[in-house]
């Protein structure tokens, strides 16, 4: 018996641009649904920039109805101020799907790269190329959207492996 497809929202948090990508996973089959990025206006104060990210992600969730979400973990920058700002954007990336009642998984950037490209230190061009290979219908025109699709692909692979372990 084939289980119904699971719709997964991948999120690549960023204060300027938060990438998002929606895929469907059914067994080992992946299908592209949509992708894009939510932008915040750098001229606004921090609270309003975070509000823009929240509203944008909530709209994506309302438009595409994902069942689960996957968020890339924050890495530490050399600049503590940048790390703090990224952490605030990541908080929004976790809160929006939580408010929608979605199951949320988190993945380290190196793990996402290893799953999608085969190397934990792949660059953005390699990620974009492999996302196009794995999801031929993908229209990821930005690195943020491609990274978000990569996070969703990573989650699909991990949830599939977990399901196999549980059924064994």
Protein backbone atom coordinates (compact mmCIF):
# COMPACT_ATOMS: atom_id res chain seq x y z
CA UNK A 1 0.00 0.00 0.00
CA UNK A 2 1.40 3.38 -1.01
CA UNK A 3 1.17 6.14 1.55
CA UNK A 4 -0.18 9.54 0.47
CA UNK A 5 2.34 12.26 -0.41
CA UNK A 6 3.69 14.41 2.40
CA UNK A 7 4.07 18.11 1.65
CA UNK A 8 7.25 19.56 3.18
CA UNK A 9 8.15 23.22 3.66
CA UNK A 10 11.90 23.87 3.73
CA UNK A 11 13.08 27.17 5.22
CA UNK A 12 16.50 28.83 4.89
CA UNK A 13 16.37 31.64 7.49
CA UNK A 14 17.84 35.04 6.78
CA UNK A 15 17.03 38.56 7.95
CA UNK A 16 17.16 40.14 4.49
CA UNK A 17 15.85 37.12 2.60
CA UNK A 18 14.31 33.99 4.05
CA UNK A 19 14.20 31.29 1.40
CA UNK A 20 11.33 28.83 1.27
CA UNK A 21 10.64 25.75 -0.80
CA UNK A 22 7.74 23.31 -0.87
CA UNK A 23 8.07 19.75 -2.14
CA UNK A 24 5.99 16.61 -1.98
CA UNK A 25 7.53 13.33 -0.90
CA UNK A 26 5.94 9.97 -1.62
CA UNK A 27 8.23 7.08 -0.84
CA UNK A 28 11.49 7.90 -2.62
CA UNK A 29 9.76 10.16 -5.17
CA UNK A 30 10.17 13.91 -4.76
CA UNK A 31 8.08 16.52 -6.58
CA UNK A 32 8.57 20.26 -6.78
CA UNK A 33 5.59 22.38 -5.68
CA UNK A 34 6.84 25.97 -5.28
CA UNK A 35 9.67 28.11 -3.95
CA UNK A 36 10.64 31.71 -3.37
CA UNK A 37 11.86 34.06 -0.72
CA UNK A 38 10.36 36.38 1.83
CA UNK A 39 12.15 39.73 1.94
CA UNK A 40 12.35 42.24 4.76
CA UNK A 41 12.87 45.95 4.23
CA UNK A 42 16.30 46.94 5.58
CA UNK A 43 15.07 50.51 6.17
CA UNK A 44 12.63 49.30 8.85
CA UNK A 45 13.35 48.66 12.52
CA UNK A 46 14.08 45.10 13.62
CA UNK A 47 10.59 44.41 14.96
CA UNK A 48 8.94 45.34 11.68
CA UNK A 49 11.47 43.38 9.64
CA UNK A 50 10.70 40.29 11.71
CA UNK A 51 6.97 40.98 11.29
CA UNK A 52 7.46 41.00 7.50
CA UNK A 53 9.20 37.63 7.66
CA UNK A 54 6.48 36.20 9.89
CA UNK A 55 3.64 37.43 7.69
CA UNK A 56 5.39 36.17 4.55
CA UNK A 57 5.97 32.69 5.96
CA UNK A 58 2.41 32.47 7.28
CA UNK A 59 1.16 33.35 3.79
CA UNK A 60 3.33 30.61 2.25
CA UNK A 61 1.91 28.11 4.76
CA UNK A 62 -1.65 29.24 4.00
CA UNK A 63 -1.07 29.08 0.23
CA UNK A 64 0.64 25.66 0.04
CA UNK A 65 -0.65 23.72 3.08
CA UNK A 66 2.50 21.83 4.09
CA UNK A 67 2.24 18.92 6.53
CA UNK A 68 5.74 19.31 7.97
CA UNK A 69 8.51 21.91 8.02
CA UNK A 70 12.30 21.73 8.06
CA UNK A 71 14.53 24.64 9.07
CA UNK A 72 18.26 25.02 8.56
CA UNK A 73 20.18 25.51 11.80
CA UNK A 74 22.13 28.71 12.31
CA UNK A 75 25.88 28.62 12.05
CA UNK A 76 28.00 31.05 14.04
CA UNK A 77 29.47 33.93 12.04
CA UNK A 78 32.63 35.75 12.98
CA UNK A 79 30.49 38.81 13.68
CA UNK A 80 28.40 38.25 16.83
CA UNK A 81 25.91 40.97 15.80
CA UNK A 82 25.19 39.18 12.50
CA UNK A 83 24.78 35.88 14.31
CA UNK A 84 22.29 37.44 16.70
CA UNK A 85 20.24 38.95 13.85
CA UNK A 86 20.24 35.64 11.99
CA UNK A 87 19.11 33.93 15.18
CA UNK A 88 16.15 36.29 15.42
CA UNK A 89 15.14 35.52 11.83
CA UNK A 90 15.55 31.81 12.60
CA UNK A 91 13.20 32.24 15.56
CA UNK A 92 10.55 33.50 13.14
CA UNK A 93 11.31 30.58 10.80
CA UNK A 94 10.58 28.18 13.68
CA UNK A 95 7.63 30.09 15.12
CA UNK A 96 5.57 30.45 11.92
CA UNK A 97 5.24 26.70 11.23
CA UNK A 98 4.77 26.02 14.96
CA UNK A 99 1.83 28.44 15.04
CA UNK A 100 0.37 26.56 12.07
CA UNK A 101 0.65 23.29 14.00
CA UNK A 102 3.31 21.74 11.76
CA UNK A 103 5.89 19.18 12.88
CA UNK A 104 9.28 20.93 12.63
CA UNK A 105 12.70 19.37 12.07
CA UNK A 106 16.03 21.17 12.16
CA UNK A 107 19.13 20.29 10.13
CA UNK A 108 22.71 21.54 10.20
CA UNK A 109 23.86 23.22 7.00
CA UNK A 110 26.66 20.66 6.51
CA UNK A 111 24.18 17.78 6.75
CA UNK A 112 21.87 19.39 4.18
CA UNK A 113 24.82 19.83 1.80
CA UNK A 114 26.00 16.27 2.36
CA UNK A 115 22.54 14.81 1.67
CA UNK A 116 21.89 16.91 -1.45
CA UNK A 117 25.36 17.29 -2.98
CA UNK A 118 27.34 14.50 -1.30
CA UNK A 119 29.83 16.88 0.31
CA UNK A 120 29.35 18.80 3.56
CA UNK A 121 31.19 21.86 2.31
CA UNK A 122 29.49 22.36 -1.07
CA UNK A 123 29.07 25.88 -2.39
CA UNK A 124 25.79 27.55 -3.35
CA UNK A 125 26.26 26.87 -7.08
CA UNK A 126 26.63 23.13 -6.41
CA UNK A 127 23.49 23.15 -4.27
CA UNK A 128 21.49 24.96 -6.96
CA UNK A 129 22.68 22.51 -9.62
CA UNK A 130 21.79 19.42 -7.56
CA UNK A 131 18.39 20.86 -6.62
CA UNK A 132 17.68 21.22 -10.37
CA UNK A 133 18.79 17.60 -10.90
CA UNK A 134 16.68 16.22 -8.03
CA UNK A 135 13.69 18.46 -8.79
CA UNK A 136 13.74 19.06 -12.57
CA UNK A 137 10.58 21.20 -12.45
CA UNK A 138 12.18 23.46 -9.85
CA UNK A 139 12.16 27.16 -10.58
CA UNK A 140 14.64 28.21 -7.90
CA UNK A 141 16.00 31.45 -9.29
CA UNK A 142 17.66 32.52 -6.04
CA UNK A 143 20.23 30.81 -3.84
CA UNK A 144 17.88 31.32 -0.87
CA UNK A 145 15.07 29.36 -2.55
CA UNK A 146 17.46 26.61 -3.70
CA UNK A 147 18.86 26.29 -0.17
CA UNK A 148 15.31 26.02 1.21
CA UNK A 149 14.48 23.28 -1.30
CA UNK A 150 17.69 21.50 -0.25
CA UNK A 151 16.52 21.63 3.39
CA UNK A 152 13.17 20.12 2.34
CA UNK A 153 14.96 17.39 0.35
CA UNK A 154 17.15 16.60 3.37
CA UNK A 155 14.04 16.28 5.54
CA UNK A 156 12.35 14.01 2.99
CA UNK A 157 15.39 11.72 3.00
CA UNK A 158 15.61 11.64 6.79
CA UNK A 159 11.91 11.04 7.33
CA UNK A 160 12.03 8.23 4.74
CA UNK A 161 14.96 6.57 6.49
CA UNK A 162 13.22 6.94 9.85
CA UNK A 163 10.04 5.33 8.47
CA UNK A 164 12.08 2.37 7.15
CA UNK A 165 13.74 1.88 10.54
CA UNK A 166 10.39 2.02 12.34
CA UNK A 167 8.79 -0.53 9.99
CA UNK A 168 11.72 -2.98 10.36
